Amino acid sequence: MRRSLLALPTAAAALSALAFSAPSASAAPPPPPSLSTARSELADLTVATPHSMDGYSRDAFDVWADQSDGCTTRQEVLKRDGQDVVDANGDCQPESGSWYSAYDGTTQTVVAQATIDHMVPLADAWRSGADKWSAADRKAFGNDLKDPQLIVASESSNSSKGDSGPDEWKPEDQGFWCTYAEDFTRVKYVWKLTTTSAEKSALSSMLDTCS
């Protein structure tokens, strides 16, 4: 079942309360929107000149903050998206498991090599509107579990992507292009971030791969 459209809360307190509710043991990654919804959301994105990167810092997004159960956001994603995840010490940190990297179709079995990527890079968010946000809003974005913003990625794919948007980088596994474009568009739409003509065109082309 597809998720209903979520609007960005206007109050920072509401944002933080939503983003920092720890997922249940049966939680699953947020599903992508339908193709028709993604196309509608993409059409609604505002094309604008990227903002300056002056003042940007990854620390401005407070990753990886603690969730309501005391586990960090990274640990929550590893629990949520892994298979046969074992936390023998009960301290939130997985000791073993396997994690699928949809960017390149590989499976990671070493916890440290299962990196967590922001679908919309923090730097991309900064230059498309997050530079004007409050600290609470940036923290909520950097640790967003309710939208398809956080994804397990292999070290190599995460490194190759870096801060690039879809006009400069695309997943190695072309079978993931459809979902990648749907998720990227959803995050930008929900968080009211702007886009560029090149980025919008790249997203539209990847949506064309959806069957």
N, C-alpha and C. Protein backbone atom coordinates (compact mmCIF):
# COMPACT_ATOMS: atom_id res chain seq x y z
N MET A 1 0.84 -1.18 0.00
CA MET A 1 0.00 0.00 0.00
C MET A 1 0.88 1.24 0.00
N ARG A 2 0.54 2.20 -0.86
CA ARG A 2 1.31 3.43 -0.93
C ARG A 2 0.94 4.34 0.23
N ARG A 3 1.90 5.16 0.65
CA ARG A 3 1.63 6.08 1.72
C ARG A 3 0.86 7.27 1.22
N SER A 4 0.04 7.87 2.08
CA SER A 4 -0.65 9.09 1.74
C SER A 4 0.34 10.23 1.77
N LEU A 5 0.03 11.30 1.08
CA LEU A 5 0.91 12.45 0.99
C LEU A 5 1.06 13.11 2.34
N LEU A 6 2.29 13.43 2.70
CA LEU A 6 2.56 14.11 3.96
C LEU A 6 3.01 15.53 3.66
N ALA A 7 2.48 16.47 4.42
CA ALA A 7 2.88 17.87 4.27
C ALA A 7 3.91 18.19 5.32
N LEU A 8 4.81 19.09 5.00
CA LEU A 8 5.84 19.50 5.95
C LEU A 8 5.19 20.31 7.04
N PRO A 9 5.32 19.89 8.33
CA PRO A 9 4.76 20.67 9.43
C PRO A 9 5.39 22.05 9.46
N THR A 10 4.63 23.03 9.90
CA THR A 10 5.15 24.37 9.95
C THR A 10 5.88 24.64 11.25
N ALA A 11 5.55 23.92 12.30
CA ALA A 11 6.19 24.15 13.60
C ALA A 11 7.36 23.21 13.77
N ALA A 12 8.48 23.76 14.19
CA ALA A 12 9.68 22.93 14.39
C ALA A 12 9.43 21.87 15.44
N ALA A 13 8.65 22.19 16.46
CA ALA A 13 8.38 21.21 17.51
C ALA A 13 7.63 20.02 16.96
N ALA A 14 6.67 20.28 16.08
CA ALA A 14 5.91 19.18 15.48
C ALA A 14 6.80 18.33 14.61
N LEU A 15 7.70 18.98 13.88
CA LEU A 15 8.64 18.25 13.04
C LEU A 15 9.48 17.30 13.87
N SER A 16 10.03 17.81 14.96
CA SER A 16 10.90 17.00 15.78
C SER A 16 10.15 15.85 16.41
N ALA A 17 8.92 16.08 16.84
CA ALA A 17 8.14 15.01 17.46
C ALA A 17 7.86 13.91 16.48
N LEU A 18 7.57 14.27 15.23
CA LEU A 18 7.29 13.26 14.21
C LEU A 18 8.55 12.49 13.85
N ALA A 19 9.63 13.21 13.62
CA ALA A 19 10.84 12.57 13.12
C ALA A 19 11.53 11.72 14.17
N PHE A 20 11.31 12.02 15.46
CA PHE A 20 12.07 11.33 16.47
C PHE A 20 11.25 10.32 17.26
N SER A 21 10.19 9.79 16.64
CA SER A 21 9.49 8.63 17.19
C SER A 21 10.19 7.40 16.65
N ALA A 22 10.73 6.60 17.53
CA ALA A 22 11.48 5.43 17.10
C ALA A 22 10.57 4.43 16.42
N PRO A 23 11.02 3.76 15.35
CA PRO A 23 10.19 2.79 14.67
C PRO A 23 9.97 1.56 15.53
N SER A 24 8.86 0.88 15.29
CA SER A 24 8.59 -0.35 16.02
C SER A 24 9.45 -1.46 15.46
N ALA A 25 9.44 -2.61 16.15
CA ALA A 25 10.28 -3.72 15.72
C ALA A 25 9.89 -4.22 14.34
N SER A 26 8.63 -3.98 13.95
CA SER A 26 8.17 -4.47 12.65
C SER A 26 8.22 -3.38 11.59
N ALA A 27 8.85 -2.25 11.92
CA ALA A 27 8.89 -1.14 10.98
C ALA A 27 9.60 -1.53 9.70
N ALA A 28 9.17 -0.93 8.61
CA ALA A 28 9.77 -1.17 7.30
C ALA A 28 10.10 0.17 6.68
N PRO A 29 11.01 0.20 5.72
CA PRO A 29 11.32 1.48 5.06
C PRO A 29 10.06 2.08 4.44
N PRO A 30 9.91 3.39 4.48
CA PRO A 30 8.74 4.02 3.84
C PRO A 30 8.69 3.67 2.36
N PRO A 31 7.56 3.20 1.86
CA PRO A 31 7.49 2.85 0.44
C PRO A 31 7.48 4.09 -0.44
N PRO A 32 7.90 3.96 -1.69
CA PRO A 32 7.87 5.11 -2.59
C PRO A 32 6.44 5.45 -2.97
N PRO A 33 6.20 6.66 -3.41
CA PRO A 33 4.86 7.01 -3.89
C PRO A 33 4.59 6.32 -5.22
N SER A 34 3.36 6.36 -5.66
CA SER A 34 3.03 5.80 -6.97
C SER A 34 3.69 6.63 -8.06
N LEU A 35 3.79 6.07 -9.25
CA LEU A 35 4.39 6.80 -10.37
C LEU A 35 3.61 8.07 -10.66
N SER A 36 2.29 7.98 -10.67
CA SER A 36 1.48 9.16 -10.96
C SER A 36 1.67 10.24 -9.90
N THR A 37 1.78 9.82 -8.63
CA THR A 37 2.02 10.79 -7.56
C THR A 37 3.40 11.42 -7.71
N ALA A 38 4.40 10.59 -8.03
CA ALA A 38 5.76 11.11 -8.20
C ALA A 38 5.81 12.13 -9.33
N ARG A 39 5.14 11.85 -10.43
CA ARG A 39 5.14 12.80 -11.55
C ARG A 39 4.46 14.10 -11.15
N SER A 40 3.38 14.00 -10.39
CA SER A 40 2.67 15.20 -9.95
C SER A 40 3.54 16.00 -8.99
N GLU A 41 4.23 15.30 -8.07
CA GLU A 41 5.08 15.99 -7.11
C GLU A 41 6.27 16.63 -7.82
N LEU A 42 6.82 15.95 -8.81
CA LEU A 42 7.95 16.50 -9.56
C LEU A 42 7.53 17.77 -10.30
N ALA A 43 6.35 17.74 -10.88
CA ALA A 43 5.86 18.91 -11.61
C ALA A 43 5.68 20.10 -10.68
N ASP A 44 5.40 19.84 -9.41
CA ASP A 44 5.17 20.91 -8.45
C ASP A 44 6.45 21.48 -7.84
N LEU A 45 7.59 20.81 -8.04
CA LEU A 45 8.83 21.32 -7.48
C LEU A 45 9.20 22.64 -8.14
N THR A 46 9.65 23.58 -7.34
CA THR A 46 10.04 24.89 -7.84
C THR A 46 11.48 24.86 -8.35
N VAL A 47 11.67 25.28 -9.58
CA VAL A 47 13.02 25.39 -10.15
C VAL A 47 13.61 26.72 -9.72
N ALA A 48 14.79 26.66 -9.12
CA ALA A 48 15.43 27.88 -8.63
C ALA A 48 16.93 27.74 -8.69
N THR A 49 17.61 28.87 -8.66
CA THR A 49 19.06 28.87 -8.64
C THR A 49 19.53 28.35 -7.28
N PRO A 50 20.49 27.41 -7.28
CA PRO A 50 20.98 26.88 -6.00
C PRO A 50 21.53 27.99 -5.11
N HIS A 51 21.26 27.85 -3.81
CA HIS A 51 21.77 28.82 -2.85
C HIS A 51 23.27 28.62 -2.64
N SER A 52 23.89 29.59 -2.03
CA SER A 52 25.30 29.49 -1.70
C SER A 52 25.53 28.40 -0.67
N MET A 53 26.70 27.78 -0.72
CA MET A 53 27.06 26.77 0.28
C MET A 53 27.73 27.41 1.50
N ASP A 54 27.76 28.72 1.56
CA ASP A 54 28.34 29.42 2.70
C ASP A 54 27.66 28.95 3.99
N GLY A 55 28.45 28.60 4.97
CA GLY A 55 27.92 28.19 6.27
C GLY A 55 27.53 26.73 6.36
N TYR A 56 27.63 25.99 5.24
CA TYR A 56 27.21 24.59 5.27
C TYR A 56 28.13 23.74 6.14
N SER A 57 27.51 22.86 6.89
CA SER A 57 28.23 21.87 7.68
C SER A 57 27.30 20.68 7.89
N ARG A 58 27.84 19.50 7.76
CA ARG A 58 27.06 18.30 8.04
C ARG A 58 26.57 18.33 9.49
N ASP A 59 27.36 18.91 10.37
CA ASP A 59 26.98 18.99 11.77
C ASP A 59 25.72 19.82 11.98
N ALA A 60 25.39 20.67 11.02
CA ALA A 60 24.19 21.50 11.15
C ALA A 60 22.92 20.66 11.13
N PHE A 61 23.03 19.39 10.65
CA PHE A 61 21.88 18.50 10.58
C PHE A 61 21.86 17.47 11.71
N ASP A 62 22.82 17.55 12.61
CA ASP A 62 22.87 16.74 13.83
C ASP A 62 22.69 15.24 13.57
N VAL A 63 23.40 14.70 12.58
CA VAL A 63 23.36 13.25 12.35
C VAL A 63 24.49 12.61 13.17
N TRP A 64 24.29 11.44 13.72
CA TRP A 64 23.03 10.70 13.86
C TRP A 64 22.48 10.90 15.27
N ALA A 65 21.39 11.63 15.40
CA ALA A 65 20.83 11.96 16.70
C ALA A 65 20.16 10.75 17.34
N ASP A 66 19.98 10.82 18.65
CA ASP A 66 19.28 9.75 19.37
C ASP A 66 17.79 9.83 19.08
N GLN A 67 17.17 8.66 18.91
CA GLN A 67 15.72 8.57 18.78
C GLN A 67 15.11 8.41 20.17
N SER A 68 13.78 8.28 20.24
CA SER A 68 13.10 8.28 21.53
C SER A 68 13.45 7.07 22.39
N ASP A 69 13.93 5.99 21.78
CA ASP A 69 14.28 4.80 22.56
C ASP A 69 15.76 4.79 22.96
N GLY A 70 16.47 5.86 22.65
CA GLY A 70 17.87 5.96 23.03
C GLY A 70 18.84 5.47 21.99
N CYS A 71 18.35 4.82 20.94
CA CYS A 71 19.21 4.36 19.85
C CYS A 71 19.41 5.51 18.86
N THR A 72 20.55 5.52 18.19
CA THR A 72 20.79 6.56 17.20
C THR A 72 20.00 6.27 15.94
N THR A 73 19.85 7.28 15.11
CA THR A 73 19.13 7.11 13.85
C THR A 73 19.80 6.05 12.98
N ARG A 74 21.12 6.05 12.93
CA ARG A 74 21.83 5.04 12.15
C ARG A 74 21.49 3.64 12.65
N GLN A 75 21.49 3.45 13.95
CA GLN A 75 21.18 2.14 14.51
C GLN A 75 19.74 1.74 14.19
N GLU A 76 18.84 2.70 14.21
CA GLU A 76 17.45 2.41 13.89
C GLU A 76 17.31 1.92 12.44
N VAL A 77 18.01 2.57 11.52
CA VAL A 77 17.93 2.18 10.11
C VAL A 77 18.55 0.80 9.91
N LEU A 78 19.65 0.52 10.58
CA LEU A 78 20.27 -0.79 10.47
C LEU A 78 19.33 -1.88 10.98
N LYS A 79 18.63 -1.62 12.08
CA LYS A 79 17.65 -2.58 12.60
C LYS A 79 16.48 -2.72 11.64
N ARG A 80 16.00 -1.61 11.13
CA ARG A 80 14.81 -1.58 10.28
C ARG A 80 15.03 -2.28 8.94
N ASP A 81 16.19 -2.05 8.35
CA ASP A 81 16.40 -2.48 6.97
C ASP A 81 17.28 -3.72 6.82
N GLY A 82 17.78 -4.25 7.93
CA GLY A 82 18.65 -5.42 7.84
C GLY A 82 17.90 -6.74 7.92
N GLN A 83 18.60 -7.80 7.59
CA GLN A 83 18.08 -9.16 7.71
C GLN A 83 18.89 -9.88 8.78
N ASP A 84 18.18 -10.63 9.64
CA ASP A 84 18.85 -11.43 10.69
C ASP A 84 19.79 -10.56 11.52
N VAL A 85 19.33 -9.38 11.88
CA VAL A 85 20.14 -8.46 12.66
C VAL A 85 20.21 -8.93 14.12
N VAL A 86 21.42 -9.01 14.66
CA VAL A 86 21.63 -9.47 16.03
C VAL A 86 22.23 -8.33 16.86
N ASP A 87 21.58 -8.06 17.99
CA ASP A 87 22.09 -7.08 18.96
C ASP A 87 22.17 -7.81 20.29
N ALA A 88 23.19 -8.61 20.44
CA ALA A 88 23.31 -9.51 21.59
C ALA A 88 23.45 -8.75 22.91
N ASN A 89 24.05 -7.57 22.86
CA ASN A 89 24.30 -6.82 24.09
C ASN A 89 23.13 -5.92 24.49
N GLY A 90 22.15 -5.81 23.62
CA GLY A 90 21.01 -4.96 23.92
C GLY A 90 21.35 -3.50 24.03
N ASP A 91 22.41 -3.07 23.35
CA ASP A 91 22.84 -1.68 23.43
C ASP A 91 22.58 -0.91 22.15
N CYS A 92 21.66 -1.41 21.33
CA CYS A 92 21.24 -0.77 20.07
C CYS A 92 22.16 -1.09 18.89
N GLN A 93 23.43 -1.35 19.13
CA GLN A 93 24.39 -1.52 18.05
C GLN A 93 24.36 -2.94 17.50
N PRO A 94 23.94 -3.12 16.25
CA PRO A 94 23.94 -4.46 15.65
C PRO A 94 25.35 -5.05 15.62
N GLU A 95 25.44 -6.33 15.92
CA GLU A 95 26.73 -7.02 15.88
C GLU A 95 26.89 -7.80 14.59
N SER A 96 25.76 -8.22 14.04
CA SER A 96 25.81 -8.98 12.79
C SER A 96 24.48 -8.85 12.07
N GLY A 97 24.48 -9.30 10.83
CA GLY A 97 23.28 -9.21 10.00
C GLY A 97 23.71 -9.04 8.55
N SER A 98 22.75 -8.76 7.69
CA SER A 98 23.07 -8.48 6.30
C SER A 98 22.20 -7.31 5.83
N TRP A 99 22.78 -6.49 4.97
CA TRP A 99 22.11 -5.29 4.52
C TRP A 99 22.28 -5.15 3.01
N TYR A 100 21.14 -5.01 2.32
CA TYR A 100 21.15 -4.90 0.87
C TYR A 100 21.31 -3.45 0.45
N SER A 101 22.23 -3.20 -0.44
CA SER A 101 22.47 -1.87 -0.99
C SER A 101 21.81 -1.77 -2.36
N ALA A 102 20.66 -1.12 -2.42
CA ALA A 102 19.89 -1.05 -3.67
C ALA A 102 20.60 -0.22 -4.73
N TYR A 103 21.50 0.66 -4.33
CA TYR A 103 22.21 1.48 -5.31
C TYR A 103 23.03 0.63 -6.29
N ASP A 104 23.66 -0.42 -5.76
CA ASP A 104 24.53 -1.23 -6.63
C ASP A 104 24.22 -2.73 -6.57
N GLY A 105 23.13 -3.10 -5.89
CA GLY A 105 22.72 -4.50 -5.87
C GLY A 105 23.64 -5.42 -5.10
N THR A 106 24.38 -4.88 -4.13
CA THR A 106 25.29 -5.70 -3.34
C THR A 106 24.73 -5.90 -1.93
N THR A 107 25.23 -6.90 -1.25
CA THR A 107 24.81 -7.17 0.13
C THR A 107 26.01 -7.02 1.05
N GLN A 108 25.82 -6.26 2.12
CA GLN A 108 26.88 -6.01 3.09
C GLN A 108 26.65 -6.91 4.31
N THR A 109 27.69 -7.59 4.75
CA THR A 109 27.56 -8.45 5.93
C THR A 109 28.45 -7.99 7.08
N VAL A 110 29.18 -6.91 6.86
CA VAL A 110 29.98 -6.29 7.91
C VAL A 110 29.28 -5.00 8.31
N VAL A 111 28.92 -4.89 9.58
CA VAL A 111 28.12 -3.75 10.05
C VAL A 111 28.73 -2.42 9.64
N ALA A 112 30.02 -2.27 9.82
CA ALA A 112 30.68 -1.00 9.53
C ALA A 112 30.63 -0.63 8.06
N GLN A 113 30.44 -1.62 7.20
CA GLN A 113 30.41 -1.36 5.76
C GLN A 113 29.00 -1.10 5.25
N ALA A 114 28.00 -1.20 6.14
CA ALA A 114 26.63 -0.87 5.78
C ALA A 114 26.40 0.59 6.15
N THR A 115 26.73 1.48 5.24
CA THR A 115 26.60 2.90 5.53
C THR A 115 25.15 3.35 5.32
N ILE A 116 24.79 4.46 5.91
CA ILE A 116 23.45 5.02 5.75
C ILE A 116 23.56 6.29 4.93
N ASP A 117 22.85 6.32 3.82
CA ASP A 117 22.92 7.47 2.91
C ASP A 117 21.65 8.29 3.01
N HIS A 118 21.78 9.60 2.85
CA HIS A 118 20.63 10.49 2.72
C HIS A 118 20.24 10.52 1.25
N MET A 119 19.03 10.09 0.95
CA MET A 119 18.56 10.07 -0.43
C MET A 119 18.79 11.43 -1.09
N VAL A 120 18.29 12.49 -0.47
CA VAL A 120 18.62 13.85 -0.89
C VAL A 120 19.81 14.27 -0.03
N PRO A 121 20.99 14.39 -0.62
CA PRO A 121 22.18 14.73 0.16
C PRO A 121 21.99 16.00 0.99
N LEU A 122 22.64 16.05 2.13
CA LEU A 122 22.50 17.21 3.01
C LEU A 122 22.95 18.49 2.31
N ALA A 123 24.02 18.39 1.54
CA ALA A 123 24.50 19.57 0.82
C ALA A 123 23.50 20.02 -0.24
N ASP A 124 22.85 19.05 -0.90
CA ASP A 124 21.83 19.37 -1.89
C ASP A 124 20.67 20.08 -1.20
N ALA A 125 20.28 19.57 -0.04
CA ALA A 125 19.19 20.19 0.71
C ALA A 125 19.57 21.62 1.11
N TRP A 126 20.83 21.79 1.53
CA TRP A 126 21.28 23.12 1.97
C TRP A 126 21.13 24.14 0.85
N ARG A 127 21.59 23.76 -0.35
CA ARG A 127 21.55 24.72 -1.45
C ARG A 127 20.16 24.84 -2.09
N SER A 128 19.22 24.02 -1.63
CA SER A 128 17.86 24.12 -2.18
C SER A 128 16.84 24.53 -1.12
N GLY A 129 17.32 25.11 -0.01
CA GLY A 129 16.39 25.68 0.95
C GLY A 129 16.70 25.46 2.41
N ALA A 130 17.45 24.40 2.74
CA ALA A 130 17.70 24.08 4.15
C ALA A 130 18.60 25.10 4.83
N ASP A 131 19.30 25.91 4.04
CA ASP A 131 20.13 26.96 4.63
C ASP A 131 19.29 27.99 5.38
N LYS A 132 18.00 28.04 5.08
CA LYS A 132 17.10 29.01 5.72
C LYS A 132 16.31 28.39 6.87
N TRP A 133 16.48 27.09 7.09
CA TRP A 133 15.71 26.40 8.14
C TRP A 133 16.26 26.69 9.53
N SER A 134 15.44 26.36 10.51
CA SER A 134 15.88 26.40 11.90
C SER A 134 16.74 25.18 12.18
N ALA A 135 17.47 25.21 13.28
CA ALA A 135 18.30 24.06 13.67
C ALA A 135 17.43 22.83 13.90
N ALA A 136 16.23 23.02 14.46
CA ALA A 136 15.33 21.90 14.72
C ALA A 136 14.86 21.25 13.42
N ASP A 137 14.57 22.06 12.41
CA ASP A 137 14.14 21.52 11.12
C ASP A 137 15.26 20.74 10.45
N ARG A 138 16.48 21.27 10.52
CA ARG A 138 17.61 20.57 9.91
C ARG A 138 17.88 19.25 10.63
N LYS A 139 17.75 19.24 11.94
CA LYS A 139 17.93 18.00 12.70
C LYS A 139 16.88 16.98 12.29
N ALA A 140 15.65 17.41 12.14
CA ALA A 140 14.57 16.51 11.74
C ALA A 140 14.83 15.93 10.35
N PHE A 141 15.34 16.76 9.45
CA PHE A 141 15.63 16.30 8.09
C PHE A 141 16.79 15.31 8.08
N GLY A 142 17.83 15.62 8.83
CA GLY A 142 19.01 14.76 8.85
C GLY A 142 18.77 13.40 9.48
N ASN A 143 17.66 13.27 10.22
CA ASN A 143 17.35 12.03 10.93
C ASN A 143 15.94 11.54 10.60
N ASP A 144 15.48 11.84 9.40
CA ASP A 144 14.10 11.58 8.99
C ASP A 144 13.83 10.10 8.72
N LEU A 145 13.02 9.49 9.59
CA LEU A 145 12.66 8.08 9.43
C LEU A 145 11.27 7.91 8.81
N LYS A 146 10.49 8.98 8.73
CA LYS A 146 9.12 8.84 8.23
C LYS A 146 9.01 8.99 6.72
N ASP A 147 9.99 9.59 6.10
CA ASP A 147 10.00 9.74 4.64
C ASP A 147 11.13 8.86 4.08
N PRO A 148 11.10 8.57 2.77
CA PRO A 148 12.13 7.69 2.17
C PRO A 148 13.46 8.41 1.97
N GLN A 149 14.01 8.93 3.07
CA GLN A 149 15.21 9.75 3.01
C GLN A 149 16.47 8.99 3.39
N LEU A 150 16.35 7.96 4.22
CA LEU A 150 17.52 7.23 4.71
C LEU A 150 17.54 5.83 4.13
N ILE A 151 18.67 5.45 3.55
CA ILE A 151 18.77 4.18 2.85
C ILE A 151 20.14 3.55 3.10
N VAL A 152 20.16 2.24 3.26
CA VAL A 152 21.43 1.53 3.41
C VAL A 152 22.16 1.55 2.07
N ALA A 153 23.45 1.82 2.10
CA ALA A 153 24.24 1.84 0.87
C ALA A 153 25.63 1.28 1.16
N SER A 154 26.18 0.62 0.16
CA SER A 154 27.55 0.14 0.30
C SER A 154 28.48 1.34 0.41
N GLU A 155 29.65 1.11 0.98
CA GLU A 155 30.62 2.21 1.11
C GLU A 155 30.98 2.81 -0.25
N SER A 156 31.15 1.93 -1.25
CA SER A 156 31.58 2.42 -2.56
C SER A 156 30.49 3.26 -3.23
N SER A 157 29.23 2.83 -3.13
CA SER A 157 28.17 3.60 -3.77
C SER A 157 27.92 4.91 -3.03
N ASN A 158 27.99 4.87 -1.72
CA ASN A 158 27.81 6.09 -0.93
C ASN A 158 28.91 7.09 -1.25
N SER A 159 30.14 6.59 -1.38
CA SER A 159 31.27 7.46 -1.69
C SER A 159 31.16 8.05 -3.09
N SER A 160 30.74 7.24 -4.05
CA SER A 160 30.64 7.74 -5.43
C SER A 160 29.52 8.76 -5.57
N LYS A 161 28.47 8.59 -4.81
CA LYS A 161 27.35 9.54 -4.86
C LYS A 161 27.75 10.86 -4.21
N GLY A 162 28.34 10.79 -3.03
CA GLY A 162 28.75 12.00 -2.34
C GLY A 162 27.60 12.97 -2.16
N ASP A 163 27.80 14.22 -2.55
CA ASP A 163 26.77 15.26 -2.43
C ASP A 163 26.04 15.50 -3.75
N SER A 164 26.18 14.57 -4.69
CA SER A 164 25.62 14.77 -6.03
C SER A 164 24.12 14.51 -6.08
N GLY A 165 23.45 15.28 -6.91
CA GLY A 165 22.05 15.05 -7.20
C GLY A 165 21.92 14.12 -8.40
N PRO A 166 20.70 13.77 -8.80
CA PRO A 166 20.49 12.81 -9.89
C PRO A 166 20.94 13.28 -11.26
N ASP A 167 21.21 14.56 -11.41
CA ASP A 167 21.74 15.04 -12.69
C ASP A 167 23.22 14.74 -12.83
N GLU A 168 23.88 14.44 -11.69
CA GLU A 168 25.32 14.16 -11.70
C GLU A 168 25.66 12.72 -11.33
N TRP A 169 24.73 12.05 -10.68
CA TRP A 169 24.97 10.68 -10.22
C TRP A 169 23.69 9.88 -10.28
N LYS A 170 23.80 8.63 -10.73
CA LYS A 170 22.67 7.72 -10.74
C LYS A 170 23.11 6.37 -10.19
N PRO A 171 22.20 5.64 -9.53
CA PRO A 171 22.57 4.32 -9.00
C PRO A 171 23.13 3.41 -10.08
N GLU A 172 24.14 2.64 -9.72
CA GLU A 172 24.74 1.69 -10.65
C GLU A 172 23.71 0.68 -11.14
N ASP A 173 22.82 0.26 -10.25
CA ASP A 173 21.76 -0.68 -10.60
C ASP A 173 20.61 0.08 -11.24
N GLN A 174 20.49 0.01 -12.57
CA GLN A 174 19.46 0.77 -13.27
C GLN A 174 18.05 0.31 -12.90
N GLY A 175 17.94 -0.91 -12.38
CA GLY A 175 16.65 -1.40 -11.94
C GLY A 175 16.10 -0.62 -10.75
N PHE A 176 16.98 0.17 -10.10
CA PHE A 176 16.56 0.97 -8.95
C PHE A 176 16.27 2.42 -9.34
N TRP A 177 16.49 2.77 -10.58
CA TRP A 177 16.30 4.16 -10.99
C TRP A 177 14.89 4.67 -10.73
N CYS A 178 13.89 3.84 -11.00
CA CYS A 178 12.50 4.25 -10.81
C CYS A 178 12.25 4.61 -9.35
N THR A 179 12.58 3.70 -8.44
CA THR A 179 12.36 3.94 -7.01
C THR A 179 13.19 5.12 -6.52
N TYR A 180 14.43 5.20 -7.00
CA TYR A 180 15.31 6.31 -6.61
C TYR A 180 14.67 7.65 -6.97
N ALA A 181 14.15 7.76 -8.18
CA ALA A 181 13.54 9.01 -8.62
C ALA A 181 12.25 9.30 -7.85
N GLU A 182 11.46 8.27 -7.59
CA GLU A 182 10.23 8.46 -6.81
C GLU A 182 10.55 8.94 -5.39
N ASP A 183 11.54 8.29 -4.76
CA ASP A 183 11.90 8.65 -3.39
C ASP A 183 12.54 10.03 -3.31
N PHE A 184 13.46 10.32 -4.22
CA PHE A 184 14.15 11.61 -4.23
C PHE A 184 13.12 12.74 -4.40
N THR A 185 12.21 12.54 -5.34
CA THR A 185 11.18 13.54 -5.59
C THR A 185 10.29 13.72 -4.38
N ARG A 186 9.89 12.60 -3.73
CA ARG A 186 9.03 12.68 -2.56
C ARG A 186 9.69 13.51 -1.44
N VAL A 187 10.96 13.25 -1.19
CA VAL A 187 11.64 13.98 -0.13
C VAL A 187 11.70 15.47 -0.44
N LYS A 188 12.05 15.81 -1.65
CA LYS A 188 12.11 17.23 -2.02
C LYS A 188 10.73 17.88 -1.92
N TYR A 189 9.72 17.15 -2.32
CA TYR A 189 8.36 17.70 -2.29
C TYR A 189 7.87 17.91 -0.87
N VAL A 190 8.01 16.89 -0.03
CA VAL A 190 7.53 16.98 1.34
C VAL A 190 8.24 18.08 2.12
N TRP A 191 9.54 18.21 1.89
CA TRP A 191 10.32 19.20 2.63
C TRP A 191 10.38 20.55 1.92
N LYS A 192 9.63 20.70 0.85
CA LYS A 192 9.52 21.98 0.13
C LYS A 192 10.87 22.53 -0.31
N LEU A 193 11.72 21.63 -0.80
CA LEU A 193 13.02 22.01 -1.33
C LEU A 193 12.89 22.33 -2.81
N THR A 194 13.74 23.20 -3.31
CA THR A 194 13.72 23.55 -4.72
C THR A 194 14.55 22.54 -5.51
N THR A 195 14.52 22.69 -6.82
CA THR A 195 15.29 21.84 -7.71
C THR A 195 15.91 22.70 -8.79
N THR A 196 16.71 22.09 -9.64
CA THR A 196 17.26 22.80 -10.80
C THR A 196 16.67 22.17 -12.06
N SER A 197 16.80 22.85 -13.16
CA SER A 197 16.28 22.30 -14.41
C SER A 197 16.94 20.97 -14.74
N ALA A 198 18.27 20.89 -14.53
CA ALA A 198 19.00 19.67 -14.83
C ALA A 198 18.56 18.52 -13.93
N GLU A 199 18.38 18.82 -12.65
CA GLU A 199 17.96 17.79 -11.71
C GLU A 199 16.54 17.32 -12.04
N LYS A 200 15.67 18.24 -12.34
CA LYS A 200 14.28 17.91 -12.66
C LYS A 200 14.21 17.05 -13.92
N SER A 201 15.02 17.38 -14.91
CA SER A 201 15.06 16.61 -16.14
C SER A 201 15.56 15.19 -15.89
N ALA A 202 16.59 15.07 -15.05
CA ALA A 202 17.15 13.75 -14.73
C ALA A 202 16.12 12.89 -14.00
N LEU A 203 15.40 13.49 -13.07
CA LEU A 203 14.38 12.75 -12.34
C LEU A 203 13.26 12.30 -13.27
N SER A 204 12.86 13.17 -14.18
CA SER A 204 11.81 12.82 -15.14
C SER A 204 12.24 11.65 -16.02
N SER A 205 13.49 11.67 -16.46
CA SER A 205 14.00 10.59 -17.30
C SER A 205 14.03 9.26 -16.54
N MET A 206 14.39 9.31 -15.27
CA MET A 206 14.41 8.08 -14.49
C MET A 206 13.00 7.57 -14.20
N LEU A 207 12.05 8.48 -14.04
CA LEU A 207 10.67 8.05 -13.86
C LEU A 207 10.15 7.35 -15.12
N ASP A 208 10.72 7.69 -16.26
CA ASP A 208 10.33 7.03 -17.51
C ASP A 208 10.71 5.55 -17.52
N THR A 209 11.60 5.14 -16.62
CA THR A 209 12.01 3.73 -16.56
C THR A 209 11.05 2.90 -15.74
N CYS A 210 10.10 3.55 -15.06
CA CYS A 210 9.14 2.80 -14.24
C CYS A 210 8.21 1.97 -15.14
N SER A 211 7.98 0.74 -14.76
CA SER A 211 7.11 -0.11 -15.58
C SER A 211 5.68 -0.01 -15.09
